Amino acid sequence: MSRVTSIKRSQKESLLRREISSLLQQASLDNPELAGLSVTHIELSRDKGVCYVYFYSPDGNVIFEKKRSTLVLFKPSLRKAIAQKVPSRYVPEIIFKYDFQLEKQLAIEQLLDKVKKES
């Protein structure tokens, strides 16, 4: 992948993250079931046809799995809003995932803080 392609992909991911976060924040005001979820990052597939939206919930993966069904209900309206706000020829398919990487990172940070306090 060329450097220009990589930069453009990152810019599009950043734009999608901003828009999707904003739209889901508005949706959580209408539907309290979505409260507590936060978008951590977004990845586009190689052909930019699929957008993976990673979430973190302080309550863990089990609660996220329960909230995923509510998220799926918002998917069509979310794609329509993205089509109106993000200039692009195609709107990618959206797939919601839980961000295990962030959970691992937080656990490592807690361990480092614990070691720091003990020494």
PDB file of N, CA and C in Angstrom:
ATOM      1  N   MET A   1       0.850  -1.171   0.000  1.00  0.00           N
ATOM      2  CA  MET A   1       0.000   0.000   0.000  1.00  0.00           C
ATOM      3  C   MET A   1       0.900   1.240   0.000  1.00  0.00           C
ATOM      4  N   SER A   2       0.612   2.184  -0.868  1.00  0.00           N
ATOM      5  CA  SER A   2       1.435   3.384  -0.956  1.00  0.00           C
ATOM      6  C   SER A   2       1.173   4.307   0.228  1.00  0.00           C
ATOM      7  N   ARG A   3       2.062   5.222   0.416  1.00  0.00           N
ATOM      8  CA  ARG A   3       1.951   6.157   1.536  1.00  0.00           C
ATOM      9  C   ARG A   3       0.714   7.043   1.389  1.00  0.00           C
ATOM     10  N   VAL A   4       0.443   7.496   0.175  1.00  0.00           N
ATOM     11  CA  VAL A   4      -0.721   8.353  -0.072  1.00  0.00           C
ATOM     12  C   VAL A   4      -2.008   7.593   0.232  1.00  0.00           C
ATOM     13  N   THR A   5      -2.081   6.346  -0.197  1.00  0.00           N
ATOM     14  CA  THR A   5      -3.256   5.522   0.075  1.00  0.00           C
ATOM     15  C   THR A   5      -3.452   5.334   1.565  1.00  0.00           C
ATOM     16  N   SER A   6      -2.368   5.105   2.272  1.00  0.00           N
ATOM     17  CA  SER A   6      -2.427   4.933   3.716  1.00  0.00           C
ATOM     18  C   SER A   6      -2.918   6.194   4.408  1.00  0.00           C
ATOM     19  N   ILE A   7      -2.446   7.342   3.967  1.00  0.00           N
ATOM     20  CA  ILE A   7      -2.859   8.615   4.553  1.00  0.00           C
ATOM     21  C   ILE A   7      -4.344   8.862   4.289  1.00  0.00           C
ATOM     22  N   LYS A   8      -4.784   8.607   3.059  1.00  0.00           N
ATOM     23  CA  LYS A   8      -6.197   8.810   2.722  1.00  0.00           C
ATOM     24  C   LYS A   8      -7.096   7.866   3.517  1.00  0.00           C
ATOM     25  N   ARG A   9      -6.648   6.622   3.703  1.00  0.00           N
ATOM     26  CA  ARG A   9      -7.426   5.666   4.496  1.00  0.00           C
ATOM     27  C   ARG A   9      -7.551   6.154   5.942  1.00  0.00           C
ATOM     28  N   SER A  10      -6.455   6.635   6.500  1.00  0.00           N
ATOM     29  CA  SER A  10      -6.466   7.148   7.873  1.00  0.00           C
ATOM     30  C   SER A  10      -7.380   8.356   8.009  1.00  0.00           C
ATOM     31  N   GLN A  11      -7.359   9.223   7.018  1.00  0.00           N
ATOM     32  CA  GLN A  11      -8.229  10.399   7.049  1.00  0.00           C
ATOM     33  C   GLN A  11      -9.697   9.985   7.003  1.00  0.00           C
ATOM     34  N   LYS A  12     -10.013   9.023   6.155  1.00  0.00           N
ATOM     35  CA  LYS A  12     -11.399   8.565   6.055  1.00  0.00           C
ATOM     36  C   LYS A  12     -11.829   7.868   7.339  1.00  0.00           C
ATOM     37  N   GLU A  13     -10.954   7.066   7.934  1.00  0.00           N
ATOM     38  CA  GLU A  13     -11.273   6.408   9.201  1.00  0.00           C
ATOM     39  C   GLU A  13     -11.522   7.439  10.296  1.00  0.00           C
ATOM     40  N   SER A  14     -10.706   8.476  10.319  1.00  0.00           N
ATOM     41  CA  SER A  14     -10.867   9.537  11.312  1.00  0.00           C
ATOM     42  C   SER A  14     -12.202  10.259  11.128  1.00  0.00           C
ATOM     43  N   LEU A  15     -12.534  10.579   9.898  1.00  0.00           N
ATOM     44  CA  LEU A  15     -13.801  11.247   9.607  1.00  0.00           C
ATOM     45  C   LEU A  15     -14.983  10.364   9.990  1.00  0.00           C
ATOM     46  N   LEU A  16     -14.908   9.090   9.632  1.00  0.00           N
ATOM     47  CA  LEU A  16     -15.981   8.160   9.993  1.00  0.00           C
ATOM     48  C   LEU A  16     -16.110   8.015  11.505  1.00  0.00           C
ATOM     49  N   ARG A  17     -14.983   7.980  12.202  1.00  0.00           N
ATOM     50  CA  ARG A  17     -15.028   7.858  13.667  1.00  0.00           C
ATOM     51  C   ARG A  17     -15.730   9.054  14.288  1.00  0.00           C
ATOM     52  N   ARG A  18     -15.395  10.238  13.819  1.00  0.00           N
ATOM     53  CA  ARG A  18     -16.031  11.449  14.341  1.00  0.00           C
ATOM     54  C   ARG A  18     -17.532  11.432  14.100  1.00  0.00           C
ATOM     55  N   GLU A  19     -17.924  11.119  12.876  1.00  0.00           N
ATOM     56  CA  GLU A  19     -19.345  11.137  12.523  1.00  0.00           C
ATOM     57  C   GLU A  19     -20.123  10.037  13.242  1.00  0.00           C
ATOM     58  N   ILE A  20     -19.584   8.827  13.258  1.00  0.00           N
ATOM     59  CA  ILE A  20     -20.284   7.715  13.899  1.00  0.00           C
ATOM     60  C   ILE A  20     -20.386   7.957  15.407  1.00  0.00           C
ATOM     61  N   SER A  21     -19.334   8.460  16.027  1.00  0.00           N
ATOM     62  CA  SER A  21     -19.385   8.764  17.464  1.00  0.00           C
ATOM     63  C   SER A  21     -20.463   9.789  17.757  1.00  0.00           C
ATOM     64  N   SER A  22     -20.508  10.818  16.946  1.00  0.00           N
ATOM     65  CA  SER A  22     -21.511  11.867  17.131  1.00  0.00           C
ATOM     66  C   SER A  22     -22.932  11.324  16.950  1.00  0.00           C
ATOM     67  N   LEU A  23     -23.128  10.545  15.905  1.00  0.00           N
ATOM     68  CA  LEU A  23     -24.456   9.987  15.639  1.00  0.00           C
ATOM     69  C   LEU A  23     -24.900   9.018  16.726  1.00  0.00           C
ATOM     70  N   LEU A  24     -23.971   8.206  17.215  1.00  0.00           N
ATOM     71  CA  LEU A  24     -24.336   7.256  18.276  1.00  0.00           C
ATOM     72  C   LEU A  24     -24.563   7.964  19.613  1.00  0.00           C
ATOM     73  N   GLN A  25     -23.879   9.070  19.828  1.00  0.00           N
ATOM     74  CA  GLN A  25     -24.119   9.843  21.043  1.00  0.00           C
ATOM     75  C   GLN A  25     -25.535  10.420  21.014  1.00  0.00           C
ATOM     76  N   GLN A  26     -25.963  10.920  19.873  1.00  0.00           N
ATOM     77  CA  GLN A  26     -27.330  11.415  19.730  1.00  0.00           C
ATOM     78  C   GLN A  26     -28.332  10.279  19.901  1.00  0.00           C
ATOM     79  N   ALA A  27     -28.023   9.111  19.351  1.00  0.00           N
ATOM     80  CA  ALA A  27     -28.917   7.960  19.471  1.00  0.00           C
ATOM     81  C   ALA A  27     -29.031   7.497  20.917  1.00  0.00           C
ATOM     82  N   SER A  28     -27.932   7.615  21.679  1.00  0.00           N
ATOM     83  CA  SER A  28     -27.980   7.184  23.080  1.00  0.00           C
ATOM     84  C   SER A  28     -28.851   8.113  23.922  1.00  0.00           C
ATOM     85  N   LEU A  29     -29.033   9.348  23.486  1.00  0.00           N
ATOM     86  CA  LEU A  29     -29.950  10.244  24.187  1.00  0.00           C
ATOM     87  C   LEU A  29     -31.387   9.804  23.977  1.00  0.00           C
ATOM     88  N   ASP A  30     -31.687   9.290  22.790  1.00  0.00           N
ATOM     89  CA  ASP A  30     -33.027   8.794  22.490  1.00  0.00           C
ATOM     90  C   ASP A  30     -33.278   7.412  23.074  1.00  0.00           C
ATOM     91  N   ASN A  31     -32.236   6.595  23.127  1.00  0.00           N
ATOM     92  CA  ASN A  31     -32.361   5.219  23.596  1.00  0.00           C
ATOM     93  C   ASN A  31     -31.327   4.969  24.692  1.00  0.00           C
ATOM     94  N   PRO A  32     -31.752   4.961  25.951  1.00  0.00           N
ATOM     95  CA  PRO A  32     -30.796   4.796  27.056  1.00  0.00           C
ATOM     96  C   PRO A  32     -30.074   3.445  27.078  1.00  0.00           C
ATOM     97  N   GLU A  33     -30.536   2.478  26.290  1.00  0.00           N
ATOM     98  CA  GLU A  33     -29.842   1.186  26.231  1.00  0.00           C
ATOM     99  C   GLU A  33     -28.425   1.329  25.670  1.00  0.00           C
ATOM    100  N   LEU A  34     -28.206   2.361  24.865  1.00  0.00           N
ATOM    101  CA  LEU A  34     -26.893   2.562  24.245  1.00  0.00           C
ATOM    102  C   LEU A  34     -25.942   3.360  25.135  1.00  0.00           C
ATOM    103  N   ALA A  35     -26.426   3.821  26.261  1.00  0.00           N
ATOM    104  CA  ALA A  35     -25.574   4.602  27.160  1.00  0.00           C
ATOM    105  C   ALA A  35     -24.424   3.734  27.668  1.00  0.00           C
ATOM    106  N   GLY A  36     -23.267   4.330  27.813  1.00  0.00           N
ATOM    107  CA  GLY A  36     -22.112   3.616  28.341  1.00  0.00           C
ATOM    108  C   GLY A  36     -21.205   3.030  27.273  1.00  0.00           C
ATOM    109  N   LEU A  37     -21.618   3.067  26.025  1.00  0.00           N
ATOM    110  CA  LEU A  37     -20.770   2.573  24.942  1.00  0.00           C
ATOM    111  C   LEU A  37     -19.980   3.732  24.359  1.00  0.00           C
ATOM    112  N   SER A  38     -18.721   3.484  24.071  1.00  0.00           N
ATOM    113  CA  SER A  38     -17.923   4.515  23.412  1.00  0.00           C
ATOM    114  C   SER A  38     -17.136   3.891  22.261  1.00  0.00           C
ATOM    115  N   VAL A  39     -17.058   4.632  21.182  1.00  0.00           N
ATOM    116  CA  VAL A  39     -16.331   4.183  19.996  1.00  0.00           C
ATOM    117  C   VAL A  39     -14.844   4.407  20.257  1.00  0.00           C
ATOM    118  N   THR A  40     -14.044   3.344  20.182  1.00  0.00           N
ATOM    119  CA  THR A  40     -12.610   3.481  20.431  1.00  0.00           C
ATOM    120  C   THR A  40     -11.838   3.720  19.148  1.00  0.00           C
ATOM    121  N   HIS A  41     -12.142   2.955  18.117  1.00  0.00           N
ATOM    122  CA  HIS A  41     -11.502   3.184  16.826  1.00  0.00           C
ATOM    123  C   HIS A  41     -12.297   2.513  15.713  1.00  0.00           C
ATOM    124  N   ILE A  42     -11.907   2.857  14.496  1.00  0.00           N
ATOM    125  CA  ILE A  42     -12.590   2.346  13.321  1.00  0.00           C
ATOM    126  C   ILE A  42     -11.536   1.839  12.347  1.00  0.00           C
ATOM    127  N   GLU A  43     -11.839   0.723  11.700  1.00  0.00           N
ATOM    128  CA  GLU A  43     -10.956   0.184  10.663  1.00  0.00           C
ATOM    129  C   GLU A  43     -11.770  -0.028   9.402  1.00  0.00           C
ATOM    130  N   LEU A  44     -11.213   0.391   8.286  1.00  0.00           N
ATOM    131  CA  LEU A  44     -11.826   0.125   6.990  1.00  0.00           C
ATOM    132  C   LEU A  44     -11.162  -1.105   6.382  1.00  0.00           C
ATOM    133  N   SER A  45     -11.962  -1.901   5.690  1.00  0.00           N
ATOM    134  CA  SER A  45     -11.386  -3.046   4.990  1.00  0.00           C
ATOM    135  C   SER A  45     -10.510  -2.535   3.855  1.00  0.00           C
ATOM    136  N   ARG A  46      -9.767  -3.424   3.268  1.00  0.00           N
ATOM    137  CA  ARG A  46      -8.829  -3.045   2.210  1.00  0.00           C
ATOM    138  C   ARG A  46      -9.529  -2.354   1.034  1.00  0.00           C
ATOM    139  N   ASP A  47     -10.717  -2.832   0.680  1.00  0.00           N
ATOM    140  CA  ASP A  47     -11.456  -2.224  -0.431  1.00  0.00           C
ATOM    141  C   ASP A  47     -12.408  -1.114   0.028  1.00  0.00           C
ATOM    142  N   LYS A  48     -12.379  -0.786   1.314  1.00  0.00           N
ATOM    143  CA  LYS A  48     -13.205   0.260   1.933  1.00  0.00           C
ATOM    144  C   LYS A  48     -14.693  -0.055   1.846  1.00  0.00           C
ATOM    145  N   GLY A  49     -15.034  -1.319   1.678  1.00  0.00           N
ATOM    146  CA  GLY A  49     -16.431  -1.734   1.581  1.00  0.00           C
ATOM    147  C   GLY A  49     -17.031  -2.097   2.926  1.00  0.00           C
ATOM    148  N   VAL A  50     -16.175  -2.331   3.924  1.00  0.00           N
ATOM    149  CA  VAL A  50     -16.640  -2.699   5.256  1.00  0.00           C
ATOM    150  C   VAL A  50     -15.957  -1.803   6.275  1.00  0.00           C
ATOM    151  N   CYS A  51     -16.758  -1.289   7.186  1.00  0.00           N
ATOM    152  CA  CYS A  51     -16.251  -0.430   8.258  1.00  0.00           C
ATOM    153  C   CYS A  51     -16.466  -1.155   9.587  1.00  0.00           C
ATOM    154  N   TYR A  52     -15.375  -1.499  10.260  1.00  0.00           N
ATOM    155  CA  TYR A  52     -15.453  -2.155  11.564  1.00  0.00           C
ATOM    156  C   TYR A  52     -15.418  -1.073  12.637  1.00  0.00           C
ATOM    157  N   VAL A  53     -16.475  -1.004  13.445  1.00  0.00           N
ATOM    158  CA  VAL A  53     -16.574  -0.011  14.502  1.00  0.00           C
ATOM    159  C   VAL A  53     -16.337  -0.733  15.821  1.00  0.00           C
ATOM    160  N   TYR A  54     -15.257  -0.351  16.522  1.00  0.00           N
ATOM    161  CA  TYR A  54     -14.889  -0.991  17.778  1.00  0.00           C
ATOM    162  C   TYR A  54     -15.394  -0.165  18.947  1.00  0.00           C
ATOM    163  N   PHE A  55     -16.038  -0.847  19.893  1.00  0.00           N
ATOM    164  CA  PHE A  55     -16.616  -0.204  21.062  1.00  0.00           C
ATOM    165  C   PHE A  55     -15.938  -0.687  22.333  1.00  0.00           C
ATOM    166  N   TYR A  56     -16.016   0.160  23.345  1.00  0.00           N
ATOM    167  CA  TYR A  56     -15.596  -0.233  24.687  1.00  0.00           C
ATOM    168  C   TYR A  56     -16.736   0.087  25.628  1.00  0.00           C
ATOM    169  N   SER A  57     -16.976  -0.809  26.555  1.00  0.00           N
ATOM    170  CA  SER A  57     -17.964  -0.603  27.598  1.00  0.00           C
ATOM    171  C   SER A  57     -17.306  -0.928  28.924  1.00  0.00           C
ATOM    172  N   PRO A  58     -17.396  -0.019  29.901  1.00  0.00           N
ATOM    173  CA  PRO A  58     -16.791  -0.315  31.201  1.00  0.00           C
ATOM    174  C   PRO A  58     -17.403  -1.552  31.861  1.00  0.00           C
ATOM    175  N   ASP A  59     -18.590  -1.932  31.408  1.00  0.00           N
ATOM    176  CA  ASP A  59     -19.271  -3.102  31.964  1.00  0.00           C
ATOM    177  C   ASP A  59     -18.793  -4.406  31.355  1.00  0.00           C
ATOM    178  N   GLY A  60     -18.007  -4.329  30.284  1.00  0.00           N
ATOM    179  CA  GLY A  60     -17.428  -5.529  29.695  1.00  0.00           C
ATOM    180  C   GLY A  60     -18.131  -5.999  28.442  1.00  0.00           C
ATOM    181  N   ASN A  61     -17.596  -7.097  27.914  1.00  0.00           N
ATOM    182  CA  ASN A  61     -18.062  -7.660  26.661  1.00  0.00           C
ATOM    183  C   ASN A  61     -19.478  -8.218  26.762  1.00  0.00           C
ATOM    184  N   VAL A  62     -19.849  -8.765  27.892  1.00  0.00           N
ATOM    185  CA  VAL A  62     -21.174  -9.377  28.041  1.00  0.00           C
ATOM    186  C   VAL A  62     -22.266  -8.322  27.861  1.00  0.00           C
ATOM    187  N   ILE A  63     -22.079  -7.164  28.460  1.00  0.00           N
ATOM    188  CA  ILE A  63     -23.057  -6.084  28.324  1.00  0.00           C
ATOM    189  C   ILE A  63     -23.068  -5.567  26.887  1.00  0.00           C
ATOM    190  N   PHE A  64     -21.883  -5.477  26.273  1.00  0.00           N
ATOM    191  CA  PHE A  64     -21.829  -5.028  24.883  1.00  0.00           C
ATOM    192  C   PHE A  64     -22.619  -5.959  23.981  1.00  0.00           C
ATOM    193  N   GLU A  65     -22.500  -7.259  24.189  1.00  0.00           N
ATOM    194  CA  GLU A  65     -23.219  -8.230  23.353  1.00  0.00           C
ATOM    195  C   GLU A  65     -24.734  -8.037  23.487  1.00  0.00           C
ATOM    196  N   LYS A  66     -25.195  -7.654  24.677  1.00  0.00           N
ATOM    197  CA  LYS A  66     -26.627  -7.388  24.864  1.00  0.00           C
ATOM    198  C   LYS A  66     -27.036  -6.112  24.129  1.00  0.00           C
ATOM    199  N   LYS A  67     -26.146  -5.128  24.105  1.00  0.00           N
ATOM    200  CA  LYS A  67     -26.454  -3.848  23.465  1.00  0.00           C
ATOM    201  C   LYS A  67     -26.263  -3.904  21.950  1.00  0.00           C
ATOM    202  N   ARG A  68     -25.555  -4.899  21.471  1.00  0.00           N
ATOM    203  CA  ARG A  68     -25.290  -5.009  20.036  1.00  0.00           C
ATOM    204  C   ARG A  68     -26.584  -5.120  19.231  1.00  0.00           C
ATOM    205  N   SER A  69     -27.572  -5.840  19.745  1.00  0.00           N
ATOM    206  CA  SER A  69     -28.840  -5.975  19.010  1.00  0.00           C
ATOM    207  C   SER A  69     -29.514  -4.619  18.827  1.00  0.00           C
ATOM    208  N   THR A  70     -29.397  -3.745  19.822  1.00  0.00           N
ATOM    209  CA  THR A  70     -29.941  -2.391  19.698  1.00  0.00           C
ATOM    210  C   THR A  70     -29.139  -1.594  18.682  1.00  0.00           C
ATOM    211  N   LEU A  71     -27.810  -1.768  18.684  1.00  0.00           N
ATOM    212  CA  LEU A  71     -26.964  -1.085  17.703  1.00  0.00           C
ATOM    213  C   LEU A  71     -27.327  -1.486  16.280  1.00  0.00           C
ATOM    214  N   VAL A  72     -27.603  -2.756  16.086  1.00  0.00           N
ATOM    215  CA  VAL A  72     -27.935  -3.261  14.752  1.00  0.00           C
ATOM    216  C   VAL A  72     -29.226  -2.607  14.238  1.00  0.00           C
ATOM    217  N   LEU A  73     -30.144  -2.285  15.139  1.00  0.00           N
ATOM    218  CA  LEU A  73     -31.378  -1.609  14.730  1.00  0.00           C
ATOM    219  C   LEU A  73     -31.094  -0.204  14.185  1.00  0.00           C
ATOM    220  N   PHE A  74     -30.051   0.430  14.682  1.00  0.00           N
ATOM    221  CA  PHE A  74     -29.697   1.775  14.243  1.00  0.00           C
ATOM    222  C   PHE A  74     -28.835   1.777  12.974  1.00  0.00           C
ATOM    223  N   LYS A  75     -28.383   0.620  12.540  1.00  0.00           N
ATOM    224  CA  LYS A  75     -27.457   0.539  11.405  1.00  0.00           C
ATOM    225  C   LYS A  75     -27.990   1.190  10.121  1.00  0.00           C
ATOM    226  N   PRO A  76     -29.236   0.933   9.695  1.00  0.00           N
ATOM    227  CA  PRO A  76     -29.712   1.576   8.452  1.00  0.00           C
ATOM    228  C   PRO A  76     -29.751   3.106   8.544  1.00  0.00           C
ATOM    229  N   SER A  77     -30.241   3.623   9.647  1.00  0.00           N
ATOM    230  CA  SER A  77     -30.294   5.084   9.790  1.00  0.00           C
ATOM    231  C   SER A  77     -28.894   5.665   9.944  1.00  0.00           C
ATOM    232  N   LEU A  78     -28.005   4.910  10.533  1.00  0.00           N
ATOM    233  CA  LEU A  78     -26.615   5.345  10.677  1.00  0.00           C
ATOM    234  C   LEU A  78     -25.942   5.433   9.304  1.00  0.00           C
ATOM    235  N   ARG A  79     -26.149   4.436   8.473  1.00  0.00           N
ATOM    236  CA  ARG A  79     -25.566   4.447   7.121  1.00  0.00           C
ATOM    237  C   ARG A  79     -26.138   5.594   6.287  1.00  0.00           C
ATOM    238  N   LYS A  80     -27.430   5.867   6.451  1.00  0.00           N
ATOM    239  CA  LYS A  80     -28.052   6.961   5.699  1.00  0.00           C
ATOM    240  C   LYS A  80     -27.457   8.303   6.133  1.00  0.00           C
ATOM    241  N   ALA A  81     -27.287   8.490   7.436  1.00  0.00           N
ATOM    242  CA  ALA A  81     -26.711   9.734   7.950  1.00  0.00           C
ATOM    243  C   ALA A  81     -25.266   9.896   7.488  1.00  0.00           C
ATOM    244  N   ILE A  82     -24.525   8.803   7.461  1.00  0.00           N
ATOM    245  CA  ILE A  82     -23.132   8.855   6.987  1.00  0.00           C
ATOM    246  C   ILE A  82     -23.109   9.235   5.507  1.00  0.00           C
ATOM    247  N   ALA A  83     -24.038   8.687   4.729  1.00  0.00           N
ATOM    248  CA  ALA A  83     -24.096   9.007   3.299  1.00  0.00           C
ATOM    249  C   ALA A  83     -24.337  10.498   3.078  1.00  0.00           C
ATOM    250  N   GLN A  84     -25.103  11.116   3.973  1.00  0.00           N
ATOM    251  CA  GLN A  84     -25.397  12.540   3.836  1.00  0.00           C
ATOM    252  C   GLN A  84     -24.248  13.424   4.309  1.00  0.00           C
ATOM    253  N   LYS A  85     -23.463  12.942   5.286  1.00  0.00           N
ATOM    254  CA  LYS A  85     -22.430  13.784   5.897  1.00  0.00           C
ATOM    255  C   LYS A  85     -21.028  13.552   5.353  1.00  0.00           C
ATOM    256  N   VAL A  86     -20.741  12.349   4.898  1.00  0.00           N
ATOM    257  CA  VAL A  86     -19.392  12.013   4.445  1.00  0.00           C
ATOM    258  C   VAL A  86     -19.382  11.928   2.922  1.00  0.00           C
ATOM    259  N   PRO A  87     -18.581  12.773   2.281  1.00  0.00           N
ATOM    260  CA  PRO A  87     -18.538  12.722   0.818  1.00  0.00           C
ATOM    261  C   PRO A  87     -17.818  11.456   0.336  1.00  0.00           C
ATOM    262  N   SER A  88     -18.568  10.590  -0.292  1.00  0.00           N
ATOM    263  CA  SER A  88     -18.003   9.339  -0.775  1.00  0.00           C
ATOM    264  C   SER A  88     -18.940   8.745  -1.811  1.00  0.00           C
ATOM    265  N   ARG A  89     -18.398   7.937  -2.657  1.00  0.00           N
ATOM    266  CA  ARG A  89     -19.224   7.286  -3.672  1.00  0.00           C
ATOM    267  C   ARG A  89     -20.087   6.192  -3.044  1.00  0.00           C
ATOM    268  N   TYR A  90     -19.510   5.454  -2.106  1.00  0.00           N
ATOM    269  CA  TYR A  90     -20.213   4.344  -1.457  1.00  0.00           C
ATOM    270  C   TYR A  90     -20.152   4.498   0.054  1.00  0.00           C
ATOM    271  N   VAL A  91     -21.190   4.017   0.716  1.00  0.00           N
ATOM    272  CA  VAL A  91     -21.195   3.969   2.174  1.00  0.00           C
ATOM    273  C   VAL A  91     -20.850   2.535   2.557  1.00  0.00           C
ATOM    274  N   PRO A  92     -19.818   2.355   3.386  1.00  0.00           N
ATOM    275  CA  PRO A  92     -19.410   0.988   3.723  1.00  0.00           C
ATOM    276  C   PRO A  92     -20.433   0.276   4.610  1.00  0.00           C
ATOM    277  N   GLU A  93     -20.426  -1.035   4.514  1.00  0.00           N
ATOM    278  CA  GLU A  93     -21.210  -1.861   5.435  1.00  0.00           C
ATOM    279  C   GLU A  93     -20.599  -1.682   6.823  1.00  0.00           C
ATOM    280  N   ILE A  94     -21.438  -1.615   7.845  1.00  0.00           N
ATOM    281  CA  ILE A  94     -20.946  -1.366   9.203  1.00  0.00           C
ATOM    282  C   ILE A  94     -21.055  -2.646  10.027  1.00  0.00           C
ATOM    283  N   ILE A  95     -19.960  -2.981  10.693  1.00  0.00           N
ATOM    284  CA  ILE A  95     -19.933  -4.142  11.581  1.00  0.00           C
ATOM    285  C   ILE A  95     -19.463  -3.664  12.953  1.00  0.00           C
ATOM    286  N   PHE A  96     -20.232  -4.002  13.984  1.00  0.00           N
ATOM    287  CA  PHE A  96     -19.911  -3.586  15.344  1.00  0.00           C
ATOM    288  C   PHE A  96     -19.138  -4.688  16.057  1.00  0.00           C
ATOM    289  N   LYS A  97     -18.046  -4.293  16.715  1.00  0.00           N
ATOM    290  CA  LYS A  97     -17.214  -5.243  17.459  1.00  0.00           C
ATOM    291  C   LYS A  97     -16.826  -4.658  18.809  1.00  0.00           C
ATOM    292  N   TYR A  98     -16.508  -5.542  19.727  1.00  0.00           N
ATOM    293  CA  TYR A  98     -16.016  -5.119  21.036  1.00  0.00           C
ATOM    294  C   TYR A  98     -14.498  -4.996  20.972  1.00  0.00           C
ATOM    295  N   ASP A  99     -13.953  -3.975  21.607  1.00  0.00           N
ATOM    296  CA  ASP A  99     -12.519  -3.701  21.559  1.00  0.00           C
ATOM    297  C   ASP A  99     -11.802  -4.392  22.721  1.00  0.00           C
ATOM    298  N   PHE A 100     -11.362  -5.627  22.486  1.00  0.00           N
ATOM    299  CA  PHE A 100     -10.619  -6.349  23.512  1.00  0.00           C
ATOM    300  C   PHE A 100      -9.235  -5.751  23.717  1.00  0.00           C
ATOM    301  N   GLN A 101      -8.684  -5.129  22.687  1.00  0.00           N
ATOM    302  CA  GLN A 101      -7.351  -4.536  22.770  1.00  0.00           C
ATOM    303  C   GLN A 101      -7.309  -3.435  23.836  1.00  0.00           C
ATOM    304  N   LEU A 102      -8.331  -2.600  23.885  1.00  0.00           N
ATOM    305  CA  LEU A 102      -8.378  -1.533  24.883  1.00  0.00           C
ATOM    306  C   LEU A 102      -8.497  -2.121  26.284  1.00  0.00           C
ATOM    307  N   GLU A 103      -9.272  -3.185  26.419  1.00  0.00           N
ATOM    308  CA  GLU A 103      -9.429  -3.835  27.712  1.00  0.00           C
ATOM    309  C   GLU A 103      -8.081  -4.371  28.211  1.00  0.00           C
ATOM    310  N   LYS A 104      -7.308  -4.976  27.320  1.00  0.00           N
ATOM    311  CA  LYS A 104      -5.978  -5.482  27.680  1.00  0.00           C
ATOM    312  C   LYS A 104      -5.047  -4.334  28.050  1.00  0.00           C
ATOM    313  N   GLN A 105      -5.126  -3.246  27.308  1.00  0.00           N
ATOM    314  CA  GLN A 105      -4.285  -2.085  27.572  1.00  0.00           C
ATOM    315  C   GLN A 105      -4.585  -1.503  28.953  1.00  0.00           C
ATOM    316  N   LEU A 106      -5.867  -1.415  29.308  1.00  0.00           N
ATOM    317  CA  LEU A 106      -6.236  -0.893  30.626  1.00  0.00           C
ATOM    318  C   LEU A 106      -5.750  -1.806  31.744  1.00  0.00           C
ATOM    319  N   ALA A 107      -5.802  -3.116  31.536  1.00  0.00           N
ATOM    320  CA  ALA A 107      -5.318  -4.066  32.533  1.00  0.00           C
ATOM    321  C   ALA A 107      -3.815  -3.916  32.730  1.00  0.00           C
ATOM    322  N   ILE A 108      -3.068  -3.726  31.646  1.00  0.00           N
ATOM    323  CA  ILE A 108      -1.614  -3.528  31.749  1.00  0.00           C
ATOM    324  C   ILE A 108      -1.304  -2.228  32.490  1.00  0.00           C
ATOM    325  N   GLU A 109      -2.053  -1.173  32.191  1.00  0.00           N
ATOM    326  CA  GLU A 109      -1.837   0.097  32.876  1.00  0.00           C
ATOM    327  C   GLU A 109      -2.114  -0.017  34.371  1.00  0.00           C
ATOM    328  N   GLN A 110      -3.136  -0.773  34.747  1.00  0.00           N
ATOM    329  CA  GLN A 110      -3.430  -0.985  36.169  1.00  0.00           C
ATOM    330  C   GLN A 110      -2.301  -1.741  36.849  1.00  0.00           C
ATOM    331  N   LEU A 111      -1.749  -2.754  36.166  1.00  0.00           N
ATOM    332  CA  LEU A 111      -0.627  -3.500  36.728  1.00  0.00           C
ATOM    333  C   LEU A 111       0.602  -2.599  36.903  1.00  0.00           C
ATOM    334  N   LEU A 112       0.866  -1.756  35.916  1.00  0.00           N
ATOM    335  CA  LEU A 112       2.009  -0.847  36.013  1.00  0.00           C
ATOM    336  C   LEU A 112       1.816   0.160  37.155  1.00  0.00           C
ATOM    337  N   ASP A 113       0.592   0.647  37.325  1.00  0.00           N
ATOM    338  CA  ASP A 113       0.317   1.560  38.439  1.00  0.00           C
ATOM    339  C   ASP A 113       0.510   0.872  39.778  1.00  0.00           C
ATOM    340  N   LYS A 114       0.098  -0.403  39.859  1.00  0.00           N
ATOM    341  CA  LYS A 114       0.249  -1.173  41.081  1.00  0.00           C
ATOM    342  C   LYS A 114       1.727  -1.354  41.416  1.00  0.00           C
ATOM    343  N   VAL A 115       2.537  -1.697  40.417  1.00  0.00           N
ATOM    344  CA  VAL A 115       3.980  -1.876  40.616  1.00  0.00           C
ATOM    345  C   VAL A 115       4.617  -0.551  41.018  1.00  0.00           C
ATOM    346  N   LYS A 116       4.168   0.519  40.423  1.00  0.00           N
ATOM    347  CA  LYS A 116       4.700   1.848  40.721  1.00  0.00           C
ATOM    348  C   LYS A 116       4.439   2.237  42.177  1.00  0.00           C
ATOM    349  N   LYS A 117       3.247   1.915  42.669  1.00  0.00           N
ATOM    350  CA  LYS A 117       2.884   2.234  44.050  1.00  0.00           C
ATOM    351  C   LYS A 117       3.678   1.385  45.051  1.00  0.00           C
ATOM    352  N   GLU A 118       3.950   0.134  44.677  1.00  0.00           N
ATOM    353  CA  GLU A 118       4.663  -0.776  45.578  1.00  0.00           C
ATOM    354  C   GLU A 118       6.141  -0.427  45.694  1.00  0.00           C
ATOM    355  N   SER A 119       6.699   0.195  44.685  1.00  0.00           N
ATOM    356  CA  SER A 119       8.138   0.488  44.747  1.00  0.00           C
ATOM    357  C   SER A 119       8.451   1.858  45.257  1.00  0.00           C
TER     358      SER A 119
END
